[in-house]
Amino acid sequence: MRRTKLAFTLVEVLIVLSLLGLTFSILVLVFSRGVDSSLNITEGSESLKREVSLFWDLQRKIVSATRIKVEDGNIYMFTSAGSFNEGVVKCAYIYRDGMLMYYEFPYPYGAIDDIEEGDLINLGRLESFEARAIIGNRELKTYEGLPHYVWVRVNDKEFLYEIIR
């Protein structure tokens, strides 16, 4: 009479472990790609949310501005649409070293571009920010007054705001 074999050979155990390792490594790869994809989507949506919020905030301020100065791609305003203070305020959007900074002062007196460096609020990192005034067909990098339009580029998006007089 012959005895039946009840144990696995070492080769069989190694093959099963290799297949399990291969299966788990494929699962880890699939899940890590899903996590990376969701992180990219989250970062993209946060960036888009920041840009849209900036767009609406700029529109409110530019449309209600009584005086605007555009210089070196930055924009300074006397406006009645302050973010932190009621009434007419002095505010500025200043782009430095890849960061967009916001300034607001509760009273519209003094030079329009006179700001307190210590009161700048960091709005976040942007690839680019630039503002220009448009009068008729002329696009001006430096202007003070109330132009017909204000053109603003944020990253790769361009916005054109009409000044309502």
C-alpha atoms as a PDB file:
ATOM      1  CA  MET A   1       0.000   0.000   0.000  1.00  0.00           C
ATOM      2  CA  ARG A   2       1.177   3.423  -0.928  1.00  0.00           C
ATOM      3  CA  ARG A   3       1.019   6.461   1.354  1.00  0.00           C
ATOM      4  CA  THR A   4      -0.599   9.677   0.161  1.00  0.00           C
ATOM      5  CA  LYS A   5       1.297  12.900   0.313  1.00  0.00           C
ATOM      6  CA  LEU A   6      -0.183  15.403   2.846  1.00  0.00           C
ATOM      7  CA  ALA A   7       2.349  18.244   2.645  1.00  0.00           C
ATOM      8  CA  PHE A   8       3.261  20.885   0.062  1.00  0.00           C
ATOM      9  CA  THR A   9       6.668  20.975  -1.499  1.00  0.00           C
ATOM     10  CA  LEU A  10       8.883  24.013  -1.102  1.00  0.00           C
ATOM     11  CA  VAL A  11       8.492  24.865  -4.798  1.00  0.00           C
ATOM     12  CA  GLU A  12       4.690  24.920  -4.484  1.00  0.00           C
ATOM     13  CA  VAL A  13       4.856  27.225  -1.448  1.00  0.00           C
ATOM     14  CA  LEU A  14       7.257  29.581  -3.255  1.00  0.00           C
ATOM     15  CA  ILE A  15       5.012  29.727  -6.331  1.00  0.00           C
ATOM     16  CA  VAL A  16       1.954  30.581  -4.201  1.00  0.00           C
ATOM     17  CA  LEU A  17       3.886  33.274  -2.307  1.00  0.00           C
ATOM     18  CA  SER A  18       5.155  34.749  -5.581  1.00  0.00           C
ATOM     19  CA  LEU A  19       1.628  34.890  -6.997  1.00  0.00           C
ATOM     20  CA  LEU A  20       0.327  36.524  -3.802  1.00  0.00           C
ATOM     21  CA  GLY A  21       3.159  39.072  -3.872  1.00  0.00           C
ATOM     22  CA  LEU A  22       2.474  39.875  -7.525  1.00  0.00           C
ATOM     23  CA  THR A  23      -1.259  40.268  -6.839  1.00  0.00           C
ATOM     24  CA  PHE A  24      -0.677  42.589  -3.865  1.00  0.00           C
ATOM     25  CA  SER A  25       1.890  44.677  -5.759  1.00  0.00           C
ATOM     26  CA  ILE A  26      -0.618  45.174  -8.611  1.00  0.00           C
ATOM     27  CA  LEU A  27      -3.318  46.179  -6.075  1.00  0.00           C
ATOM     28  CA  VAL A  28      -0.962  48.642  -4.379  1.00  0.00           C
ATOM     29  CA  LEU A  29      -0.065  50.167  -7.760  1.00  0.00           C
ATOM     30  CA  VAL A  30      -3.739  50.567  -8.721  1.00  0.00           C
ATOM     31  CA  PHE A  31      -4.662  52.133  -5.365  1.00  0.00           C
ATOM     32  CA  SER A  32      -1.644  54.479  -5.336  1.00  0.00           C
ATOM     33  CA  ARG A  33      -2.531  55.727  -8.827  1.00  0.00           C
ATOM     34  CA  GLY A  34      -6.081  56.365  -7.616  1.00  0.00           C
ATOM     35  CA  VAL A  35      -4.802  58.322  -4.616  1.00  0.00           C
ATOM     36  CA  ASP A  36      -2.409  60.359  -6.815  1.00  0.00           C
ATOM     37  CA  SER A  37      -5.224  61.086  -9.253  1.00  0.00           C
ATOM     38  CA  SER A  38      -7.551  62.262  -6.495  1.00  0.00           C
ATOM     39  CA  LEU A  39      -4.801  64.487  -5.051  1.00  0.00           C
ATOM     40  CA  ASN A  40      -4.245  66.078  -8.479  1.00  0.00           C
ATOM     41  CA  ILE A  41      -7.986  66.664  -8.858  1.00  0.00           C
ATOM     42  CA  THR A  42      -8.151  68.190  -5.370  1.00  0.00           C
ATOM     43  CA  GLU A  43      -5.192  70.498  -6.061  1.00  0.00           C
ATOM     44  CA  GLY A  44      -6.714  71.530  -9.400  1.00  0.00           C
ATOM     45  CA  SER A  45     -10.088  72.270  -7.860  1.00  0.00           C
ATOM     46  CA  GLU A  46      -8.485  74.292  -5.049  1.00  0.00           C
ATOM     47  CA  SER A  47      -6.559  76.323  -7.625  1.00  0.00           C
ATOM     48  CA  LEU A  48      -9.715  76.886  -9.680  1.00  0.00           C
ATOM     49  CA  LYS A  49     -11.658  77.873  -6.553  1.00  0.00           C
ATOM     50  CA  ARG A  50      -8.962  80.418  -5.640  1.00  0.00           C
ATOM     51  CA  GLU A  51      -8.972  81.862  -9.181  1.00  0.00           C
ATOM     52  CA  VAL A  52     -12.786  82.146  -9.311  1.00  0.00           C
ATOM     53  CA  SER A  53     -12.887  83.767  -5.874  1.00  0.00           C
ATOM     54  CA  LEU A  54     -10.216  86.240  -6.997  1.00  0.00           C
ATOM     55  CA  PHE A  55     -12.168  86.920 -10.213  1.00  0.00           C
ATOM     56  CA  TRP A  56     -15.370  87.807  -8.335  1.00  0.00           C
ATOM     57  CA  ASP A  57     -13.534  89.845  -5.722  1.00  0.00           C
ATOM     58  CA  LEU A  58     -11.723  91.833  -8.429  1.00  0.00           C
ATOM     59  CA  GLN A  59     -14.975  92.390 -10.302  1.00  0.00           C
ATOM     60  CA  ARG A  60     -16.688  93.781  -7.203  1.00  0.00           C
ATOM     61  CA  LYS A  61     -13.807  96.103  -6.466  1.00  0.00           C
ATOM     62  CA  ILE A  62     -13.083  97.296 -10.020  1.00  0.00           C
ATOM     63  CA  VAL A  63     -16.725  97.958 -10.925  1.00  0.00           C
ATOM     64  CA  SER A  64     -17.230 100.103  -7.816  1.00  0.00           C
ATOM     65  CA  ALA A  65     -13.848 101.867  -8.014  1.00  0.00           C
ATOM     66  CA  THR A  66     -13.710 105.651  -7.995  1.00  0.00           C
ATOM     67  CA  ARG A  67     -10.024 105.725  -8.944  1.00  0.00           C
ATOM     68  CA  ILE A  68      -7.640 103.061 -10.248  1.00  0.00           C
ATOM     69  CA  LYS A  69      -3.892 102.949 -10.690  1.00  0.00           C
ATOM     70  CA  VAL A  70      -2.177 100.239 -12.700  1.00  0.00           C
ATOM     71  CA  GLU A  71       1.595 100.057 -12.394  1.00  0.00           C
ATOM     72  CA  ASP A  72       4.131  97.264 -12.892  1.00  0.00           C
ATOM     73  CA  GLY A  73       1.298  94.744 -13.314  1.00  0.00           C
ATOM     74  CA  ASN A  74      -0.155  95.637  -9.902  1.00  0.00           C
ATOM     75  CA  ILE A  75      -3.501  97.330  -9.334  1.00  0.00           C
ATOM     76  CA  TYR A  76      -4.373  99.950  -6.704  1.00  0.00           C
ATOM     77  CA  MET A  77      -7.909 101.269  -6.114  1.00  0.00           C
ATOM     78  CA  PHE A  78     -10.198 103.482  -4.124  1.00  0.00           C
ATOM     79  CA  THR A  79     -13.355 101.377  -4.019  1.00  0.00           C
ATOM     80  CA  SER A  80     -16.543 100.910  -2.033  1.00  0.00           C
ATOM     81  CA  ALA A  81     -16.252  97.114  -2.139  1.00  0.00           C
ATOM     82  CA  GLY A  82     -13.727  96.400   0.581  1.00  0.00           C
ATOM     83  CA  SER A  83     -13.216  92.889   1.855  1.00  0.00           C
ATOM     84  CA  PHE A  84     -12.705  93.821   5.500  1.00  0.00           C
ATOM     85  CA  ASN A  85     -13.955  97.398   5.901  1.00  0.00           C
ATOM     86  CA  GLU A  86     -17.212  99.163   5.056  1.00  0.00           C
ATOM     87  CA  GLY A  87     -17.401 102.329   3.008  1.00  0.00           C
ATOM     88  CA  VAL A  88     -14.795 103.548   0.569  1.00  0.00           C
ATOM     89  CA  VAL A  89     -11.410 101.905   1.096  1.00  0.00           C
ATOM     90  CA  LYS A  90      -7.970 101.936  -0.428  1.00  0.00           C
ATOM     91  CA  CYS A  91      -6.932  98.502  -1.641  1.00  0.00           C
ATOM     92  CA  ALA A  92      -4.220  96.929  -3.759  1.00  0.00           C
ATOM     93  CA  TYR A  93      -3.339  93.633  -5.426  1.00  0.00           C
ATOM     94  CA  ILE A  94       0.429  93.258  -5.554  1.00  0.00           C
ATOM     95  CA  TYR A  95       2.280  90.361  -7.186  1.00  0.00           C
ATOM     96  CA  ARG A  96       5.761  89.613  -5.838  1.00  0.00           C
ATOM     97  CA  ASP A  97       7.974  86.561  -6.126  1.00  0.00           C
ATOM     98  CA  GLY A  98       5.122  84.329  -7.288  1.00  0.00           C
ATOM     99  CA  MET A  99       2.836  85.394  -4.439  1.00  0.00           C
ATOM    100  CA  LEU A 100      -0.288  87.558  -4.758  1.00  0.00           C
ATOM    101  CA  MET A 101      -0.664  89.973  -1.857  1.00  0.00           C
ATOM    102  CA  TYR A 102      -3.717  92.045  -0.903  1.00  0.00           C
ATOM    103  CA  TYR A 103      -3.759  95.333   0.987  1.00  0.00           C
ATOM    104  CA  GLU A 104      -6.745  97.193   2.374  1.00  0.00           C
ATOM    105  CA  PHE A 105      -6.940 100.430   4.345  1.00  0.00           C
ATOM    106  CA  PRO A 106     -10.291 101.726   5.674  1.00  0.00           C
ATOM    107  CA  TYR A 107      -9.886 105.322   4.450  1.00  0.00           C
ATOM    108  CA  PRO A 108      -9.195 106.537   0.893  1.00  0.00           C
ATOM    109  CA  TYR A 109      -6.632 109.230   1.604  1.00  0.00           C
ATOM    110  CA  GLY A 110      -2.984 109.678   0.759  1.00  0.00           C
ATOM    111  CA  ALA A 111      -1.316 108.366  -2.361  1.00  0.00           C
ATOM    112  CA  ILE A 112      -3.276 105.538  -3.955  1.00  0.00           C
ATOM    113  CA  ASP A 113      -0.153 103.366  -4.118  1.00  0.00           C
ATOM    114  CA  ASP A 114       1.049 104.147  -0.592  1.00  0.00           C
ATOM    115  CA  ILE A 115       0.747 100.852   1.273  1.00  0.00           C
ATOM    116  CA  GLU A 116       1.968  99.458   4.573  1.00  0.00           C
ATOM    117  CA  GLU A 117       4.205  96.471   3.836  1.00  0.00           C
ATOM    118  CA  GLY A 118       3.388  94.894   7.200  1.00  0.00           C
ATOM    119  CA  ASP A 119      -0.352  94.883   6.428  1.00  0.00           C
ATOM    120  CA  LEU A 120      -0.085  92.848   3.209  1.00  0.00           C
ATOM    121  CA  ILE A 121      -2.211  89.692   3.245  1.00  0.00           C
ATOM    122  CA  ASN A 122      -0.866  86.693   1.346  1.00  0.00           C
ATOM    123  CA  LEU A 123      -3.573  85.392  -1.006  1.00  0.00           C
ATOM    124  CA  GLY A 124      -1.484  82.492  -2.255  1.00  0.00           C
ATOM    125  CA  ARG A 125       0.960  81.381  -4.894  1.00  0.00           C
ATOM    126  CA  LEU A 126       0.129  82.089  -8.542  1.00  0.00           C
ATOM    127  CA  GLU A 127       2.062  81.367 -11.709  1.00  0.00           C
ATOM    128  CA  SER A 128       1.387  84.914 -12.921  1.00  0.00           C
ATOM    129  CA  PHE A 129      -0.694  88.003 -12.220  1.00  0.00           C
ATOM    130  CA  GLU A 130      -0.795  91.134 -14.332  1.00  0.00           C
ATOM    131  CA  ALA A 131      -3.149  94.094 -14.636  1.00  0.00           C
ATOM    132  CA  ARG A 132      -3.419  96.704 -17.395  1.00  0.00           C
ATOM    133  CA  ALA A 133      -5.707  99.656 -18.110  1.00  0.00           C
ATOM    134  CA  ILE A 134      -7.463  99.929 -21.479  1.00  0.00           C
ATOM    135  CA  ILE A 135      -8.517 103.283 -22.904  1.00  0.00           C
ATOM    136  CA  GLY A 136     -10.054 103.050 -26.374  1.00  0.00           C
ATOM    137  CA  ASN A 137      -7.746 100.709 -28.307  1.00  0.00           C
ATOM    138  CA  ARG A 138      -4.685 101.402 -26.154  1.00  0.00           C
ATOM    139  CA  GLU A 139      -3.467  98.968 -23.544  1.00  0.00           C
ATOM    140  CA  LEU A 140      -1.505 100.796 -20.834  1.00  0.00           C
ATOM    141  CA  LYS A 141       0.869  99.203 -18.330  1.00  0.00           C
ATOM    142  CA  THR A 142       0.928 102.410 -16.273  1.00  0.00           C
ATOM    143  CA  TYR A 143      -2.238 104.443 -15.756  1.00  0.00           C
ATOM    144  CA  GLU A 144      -4.010 106.401 -13.044  1.00  0.00           C
ATOM    145  CA  GLY A 145      -7.622 107.536 -13.205  1.00  0.00           C
ATOM    146  CA  LEU A 146     -10.717 105.676 -14.362  1.00  0.00           C
ATOM    147  CA  PRO A 147     -10.069 103.678 -17.550  1.00  0.00           C
ATOM    148  CA  HIS A 148     -12.723 102.188 -19.819  1.00  0.00           C
ATOM    149  CA  TYR A 149     -11.605  98.634 -19.024  1.00  0.00           C
ATOM    150  CA  VAL A 150      -9.182  96.829 -16.748  1.00  0.00           C
ATOM    151  CA  TRP A 151      -7.536  93.707 -18.157  1.00  0.00           C
ATOM    152  CA  VAL A 152      -6.228  91.148 -15.652  1.00  0.00           C
ATOM    153  CA  ARG A 153      -4.359  87.915 -16.317  1.00  0.00           C
ATOM    154  CA  VAL A 154      -4.273  85.299 -13.553  1.00  0.00           C
ATOM    155  CA  ASN A 155      -2.137  82.281 -14.441  1.00  0.00           C
ATOM    156  CA  ASP A 156      -3.311  81.421 -17.966  1.00  0.00           C
ATOM    157  CA  LYS A 157      -6.757  83.043 -17.673  1.00  0.00           C
ATOM    158  CA  GLU A 158      -7.565  86.558 -18.856  1.00  0.00           C
ATOM    159  CA  PHE A 159     -10.377  88.750 -17.539  1.00  0.00           C
ATOM    160  CA  LEU A 160     -11.692  92.022 -18.926  1.00  0.00           C
ATOM    161  CA  TYR A 161     -13.612  94.256 -16.524  1.00  0.00           C
ATOM    162  CA  GLU A 162     -15.669  97.152 -17.819  1.00  0.00           C
ATOM    163  CA  ILE A 163     -15.753 100.277 -15.712  1.00  0.00           C
ATOM    164  CA  ILE A 164     -19.313 101.526 -15.390  1.00  0.00           C
ATOM    165  CA  ARG A 165     -19.376 105.310 -15.130  1.00  0.00           C
END
